[in-house]
């Protein structure tokens, strides 16, 4: 092996300042949920879908209705009450 070349004090100091930690570690960004754009009122097509498809479903919950018909939770709860009445 070739002998190592000695660095001057200034070169050593410069290397020590340049090295080190580098950038400060940042916190991980949390996963963001996709924003749903659900309807807040029943329109004719949604109401027809409600009366045809939902009674045939195995499980009827506000979550299922909200997901299938793209309506918000309060409308889904109201829909269950309407279906109970029929």
C-alpha atoms as a PDB file:
ATOM      1  CA  UNK A   1       0.000   0.000   0.000  1.00  0.00           C
ATOM      2  CA  UNK A   2       1.119   3.512  -0.698  1.00  0.00           C
ATOM      3  CA  UNK A   3       1.771   5.648   2.369  1.00  0.00           C
ATOM      4  CA  UNK A   4      -1.020   8.082   3.325  1.00  0.00           C
ATOM      5  CA  UNK A   5      -0.428  11.740   2.613  1.00  0.00           C
ATOM      6  CA  UNK A   6      -0.715  13.900   5.738  1.00  0.00           C
ATOM      7  CA  UNK A   7      -3.324  16.695   5.566  1.00  0.00           C
ATOM      8  CA  UNK A   8      -2.603  20.137   6.903  1.00  0.00           C
ATOM      9  CA  UNK A   9      -4.494  21.381   9.976  1.00  0.00           C
ATOM     10  CA  UNK A  10      -6.595  23.705   7.820  1.00  0.00           C
ATOM     11  CA  UNK A  11      -7.567  20.850   5.459  1.00  0.00           C
ATOM     12  CA  UNK A  12      -8.531  18.654   8.435  1.00  0.00           C
ATOM     13  CA  UNK A  13     -10.655  21.424   9.961  1.00  0.00           C
ATOM     14  CA  UNK A  14     -12.378  22.075   6.636  1.00  0.00           C
ATOM     15  CA  UNK A  15     -13.157  18.356   6.191  1.00  0.00           C
ATOM     16  CA  UNK A  16     -14.561  18.140   9.724  1.00  0.00           C
ATOM     17  CA  UNK A  17     -16.876  21.115   9.111  1.00  0.00           C
ATOM     18  CA  UNK A  18     -18.031  19.779   5.733  1.00  0.00           C
ATOM     19  CA  UNK A  19     -18.848  16.270   7.004  1.00  0.00           C
ATOM     20  CA  UNK A  20     -21.115  15.416   9.884  1.00  0.00           C
ATOM     21  CA  UNK A  21     -24.851  14.935  10.131  1.00  0.00           C
ATOM     22  CA  UNK A  22     -25.937  16.641   6.951  1.00  0.00           C
ATOM     23  CA  UNK A  23     -29.594  17.652   6.789  1.00  0.00           C
ATOM     24  CA  UNK A  24     -31.822  17.510   9.857  1.00  0.00           C
ATOM     25  CA  UNK A  25     -34.185  14.544   9.858  1.00  0.00           C
ATOM     26  CA  UNK A  26     -37.797  15.455   9.143  1.00  0.00           C
ATOM     27  CA  UNK A  27     -40.910  13.799  10.588  1.00  0.00           C
ATOM     28  CA  UNK A  28     -42.722  11.415   8.260  1.00  0.00           C
ATOM     29  CA  UNK A  29     -45.810  12.841   6.630  1.00  0.00           C
ATOM     30  CA  UNK A  30     -48.960  11.061   7.792  1.00  0.00           C
ATOM     31  CA  UNK A  31     -51.109   9.287   5.234  1.00  0.00           C
ATOM     32  CA  UNK A  32     -53.967  11.541   4.147  1.00  0.00           C
ATOM     33  CA  UNK A  33     -57.380  10.088   3.469  1.00  0.00           C
ATOM     34  CA  UNK A  34     -58.992  10.900   0.152  1.00  0.00           C
ATOM     35  CA  UNK A  35     -61.753  13.486   0.507  1.00  0.00           C
ATOM     36  CA  UNK A  36     -65.176  12.102  -0.420  1.00  0.00           C
ATOM     37  CA  UNK A  37     -67.594  14.285  -2.316  1.00  0.00           C
ATOM     38  CA  UNK A  38     -70.889  12.771  -1.165  1.00  0.00           C
ATOM     39  CA  UNK A  39     -74.319  14.180  -1.978  1.00  0.00           C
ATOM     40  CA  UNK A  40     -76.273  15.999   0.730  1.00  0.00           C
ATOM     41  CA  UNK A  41     -79.692  15.613  -0.885  1.00  0.00           C
ATOM     42  CA  UNK A  42     -81.426  12.750  -2.695  1.00  0.00           C
ATOM     43  CA  UNK A  43     -81.957  13.239  -6.402  1.00  0.00           C
ATOM     44  CA  UNK A  44     -84.320  11.124  -8.519  1.00  0.00           C
ATOM     45  CA  UNK A  45     -81.727   8.599  -9.718  1.00  0.00           C
ATOM     46  CA  UNK A  46     -80.277   8.077  -6.233  1.00  0.00           C
ATOM     47  CA  UNK A  47     -83.737   7.585  -4.764  1.00  0.00           C
ATOM     48  CA  UNK A  48     -84.586   4.987  -7.431  1.00  0.00           C
ATOM     49  CA  UNK A  49     -81.328   3.182  -6.708  1.00  0.00           C
ATOM     50  CA  UNK A  50     -82.134   3.244  -2.989  1.00  0.00           C
ATOM     51  CA  UNK A  51     -85.523   1.610  -3.485  1.00  0.00           C
ATOM     52  CA  UNK A  52     -84.250  -1.051  -5.949  1.00  0.00           C
ATOM     53  CA  UNK A  53     -80.763  -2.098  -4.787  1.00  0.00           C
ATOM     54  CA  UNK A  54     -80.541  -1.533  -1.047  1.00  0.00           C
ATOM     55  CA  UNK A  55     -83.410  -3.834   0.092  1.00  0.00           C
ATOM     56  CA  UNK A  56     -81.652  -6.723  -1.729  1.00  0.00           C
ATOM     57  CA  UNK A  57     -78.363  -6.168   0.148  1.00  0.00           C
ATOM     58  CA  UNK A  58     -77.338  -8.728   2.786  1.00  0.00           C
ATOM     59  CA  UNK A  59     -76.324  -6.079   5.300  1.00  0.00           C
ATOM     60  CA  UNK A  60     -77.892  -2.634   5.426  1.00  0.00           C
ATOM     61  CA  UNK A  61     -75.945  -0.074   7.464  1.00  0.00           C
ATOM     62  CA  UNK A  62     -75.448   3.669   7.069  1.00  0.00           C
ATOM     63  CA  UNK A  63     -71.886   2.950   5.969  1.00  0.00           C
ATOM     64  CA  UNK A  64     -72.978   0.565   3.194  1.00  0.00           C
ATOM     65  CA  UNK A  65     -75.657   2.945   1.922  1.00  0.00           C
ATOM     66  CA  UNK A  66     -73.293   5.917   2.049  1.00  0.00           C
ATOM     67  CA  UNK A  67     -70.638   4.029   0.112  1.00  0.00           C
ATOM     68  CA  UNK A  68     -72.921   2.590  -2.576  1.00  0.00           C
ATOM     69  CA  UNK A  69     -75.116   5.623  -3.233  1.00  0.00           C
ATOM     70  CA  UNK A  70     -72.429   8.274  -2.557  1.00  0.00           C
ATOM     71  CA  UNK A  71     -74.565  10.112  -0.012  1.00  0.00           C
ATOM     72  CA  UNK A  72     -73.482  11.453   3.373  1.00  0.00           C
ATOM     73  CA  UNK A  73     -74.088   9.605   6.641  1.00  0.00           C
ATOM     74  CA  UNK A  74     -77.137  11.538   7.789  1.00  0.00           C
ATOM     75  CA  UNK A  75     -78.900  10.812   4.479  1.00  0.00           C
ATOM     76  CA  UNK A  76     -77.973   7.150   4.822  1.00  0.00           C
ATOM     77  CA  UNK A  77     -79.555   7.023   8.297  1.00  0.00           C
ATOM     78  CA  UNK A  78     -82.686   8.714   6.924  1.00  0.00           C
ATOM     79  CA  UNK A  79     -82.789   6.197   4.058  1.00  0.00           C
ATOM     80  CA  UNK A  80     -82.828   3.298   6.541  1.00  0.00           C
ATOM     81  CA  UNK A  81     -85.784   4.869   8.354  1.00  0.00           C
ATOM     82  CA  UNK A  82     -87.629   5.324   5.027  1.00  0.00           C
ATOM     83  CA  UNK A  83     -86.977   1.679   4.086  1.00  0.00           C
ATOM     84  CA  UNK A  84     -88.149   0.516   7.533  1.00  0.00           C
ATOM     85  CA  UNK A  85     -91.426   2.348   6.987  1.00  0.00           C
ATOM     86  CA  UNK A  86     -92.091   0.547   3.671  1.00  0.00           C
END
